[in-house]
C-alpha atoms as a PDB file:
ATOM      1  CA  UNK A   1     -16.637  10.029   9.368  1.00  0.00           C
ATOM      2  CA  UNK A   2     -13.138  11.659   9.535  1.00  0.00           C
ATOM      3  CA  UNK A   3     -13.568  13.605   6.285  1.00  0.00           C
ATOM      4  CA  UNK A   4     -13.619  17.512   6.268  1.00  0.00           C
ATOM      5  CA  UNK A   5     -14.267  20.005   3.463  1.00  0.00           C
ATOM      6  CA  UNK A   6     -11.504  19.933   1.105  1.00  0.00           C
ATOM      7  CA  UNK A   7     -10.135  16.495   2.090  1.00  0.00           C
ATOM      8  CA  UNK A   8      -9.308  14.271  -0.648  1.00  0.00           C
ATOM      9  CA  UNK A   9     -11.385  10.973  -0.638  1.00  0.00           C
ATOM     10  CA  UNK A  10     -11.563   7.749  -2.461  1.00  0.00           C
ATOM     11  CA  UNK A  11     -14.646   6.313  -4.060  1.00  0.00           C
ATOM     12  CA  UNK A  12     -15.077   2.595  -4.382  1.00  0.00           C
ATOM     13  CA  UNK A  13     -18.213   0.376  -5.220  1.00  0.00           C
ATOM     14  CA  UNK A  14     -18.710  -2.589  -3.232  1.00  0.00           C
ATOM     15  CA  UNK A  15     -21.600  -5.232  -3.314  1.00  0.00           C
ATOM     16  CA  UNK A  16     -23.646  -2.393  -5.224  1.00  0.00           C
ATOM     17  CA  UNK A  17     -22.941   0.322  -2.536  1.00  0.00           C
ATOM     18  CA  UNK A  18     -20.940   3.550  -3.306  1.00  0.00           C
ATOM     19  CA  UNK A  19     -18.601   4.063  -0.555  1.00  0.00           C
ATOM     20  CA  UNK A  20     -16.563   7.282   0.374  1.00  0.00           C
ATOM     21  CA  UNK A  21     -13.332   6.729   2.098  1.00  0.00           C
ATOM     22  CA  UNK A  22     -10.834   9.309   3.598  1.00  0.00           C
ATOM     23  CA  UNK A  23      -7.294   8.721   2.805  1.00  0.00           C
ATOM     24  CA  UNK A  24      -6.283   8.227   6.421  1.00  0.00           C
ATOM     25  CA  UNK A  25      -9.015   5.259   6.370  1.00  0.00           C
ATOM     26  CA  UNK A  26      -7.800   3.862   3.035  1.00  0.00           C
ATOM     27  CA  UNK A  27      -4.318   3.962   4.067  1.00  0.00           C
ATOM     28  CA  UNK A  28      -5.098   1.820   7.232  1.00  0.00           C
ATOM     29  CA  UNK A  29      -6.986  -0.786   5.303  1.00  0.00           C
ATOM     30  CA  UNK A  30      -4.155  -0.895   2.807  1.00  0.00           C
ATOM     31  CA  UNK A  31      -1.654  -1.363   5.754  1.00  0.00           C
ATOM     32  CA  UNK A  32      -3.872  -4.115   7.216  1.00  0.00           C
ATOM     33  CA  UNK A  33      -4.086  -5.880   3.898  1.00  0.00           C
ATOM     34  CA  UNK A  34      -0.197  -5.971   3.520  1.00  0.00           C
ATOM     35  CA  UNK A  35       0.291  -6.997   6.870  1.00  0.00           C
ATOM     36  CA  UNK A  36      -1.691 -10.291   6.198  1.00  0.00           C
ATOM     37  CA  UNK A  37       0.818 -11.236   3.390  1.00  0.00           C
ATOM     38  CA  UNK A  38       4.153  -9.911   4.613  1.00  0.00           C
ATOM     39  CA  UNK A  39       5.891 -11.023   7.748  1.00  0.00           C
ATOM     40  CA  UNK A  40       6.719  -8.237  10.148  1.00  0.00           C
ATOM     41  CA  UNK A  41      10.284  -8.912   9.899  1.00  0.00           C
ATOM     42  CA  UNK A  42      10.536  -8.234   6.341  1.00  0.00           C
ATOM     43  CA  UNK A  43      11.055  -4.729   5.151  1.00  0.00           C
ATOM     44  CA  UNK A  44       9.528  -4.271   1.456  1.00  0.00           C
ATOM     45  CA  UNK A  45      11.596  -0.741   1.500  1.00  0.00           C
ATOM     46  CA  UNK A  46      14.636  -2.641   2.044  1.00  0.00           C
ATOM     47  CA  UNK A  47      13.909  -5.267  -0.672  1.00  0.00           C
ATOM     48  CA  UNK A  48      12.927  -2.659  -3.254  1.00  0.00           C
ATOM     49  CA  UNK A  49      16.153  -0.581  -2.603  1.00  0.00           C
ATOM     50  CA  UNK A  50      18.307  -4.006  -2.929  1.00  0.00           C
ATOM     51  CA  UNK A  51      16.289  -4.830  -6.261  1.00  0.00           C
ATOM     52  CA  UNK A  52      17.075  -1.444  -7.621  1.00  0.00           C
ATOM     53  CA  UNK A  53      20.750  -1.638  -6.746  1.00  0.00           C
ATOM     54  CA  UNK A  54      20.814  -5.121  -8.371  1.00  0.00           C
ATOM     55  CA  UNK A  55      19.349  -3.780 -11.569  1.00  0.00           C
ATOM     56  CA  UNK A  56      21.866  -0.641 -11.582  1.00  0.00           C
ATOM     57  CA  UNK A  57      24.732  -3.213 -11.277  1.00  0.00           C
ATOM     58  CA  UNK A  58      23.280  -5.356 -14.088  1.00  0.00           C
ATOM     59  CA  UNK A  59      22.597  -8.415 -11.959  1.00  0.00           C
ATOM     60  CA  UNK A  60      19.807 -10.843 -11.907  1.00  0.00           C
ATOM     61  CA  UNK A  61      17.395 -10.943  -9.279  1.00  0.00           C
ATOM     62  CA  UNK A  62      17.547 -14.021  -6.719  1.00  0.00           C
ATOM     63  CA  UNK A  63      14.376 -15.419  -5.559  1.00  0.00           C
END
């Protein structure tokens, strides 16, 4: 299962079942979900940094 004593886990209910998910598995699922919607050449980190810099400069975001 990939979960050891003392590890933090996430609990979710899906289709009436309680599932226990280790953080590594949850992270892998989240990355796969994001990858479906964000092209590989797009850096969400770079976009967030640019957005923060525009906010500091008082500019409106361009979309």
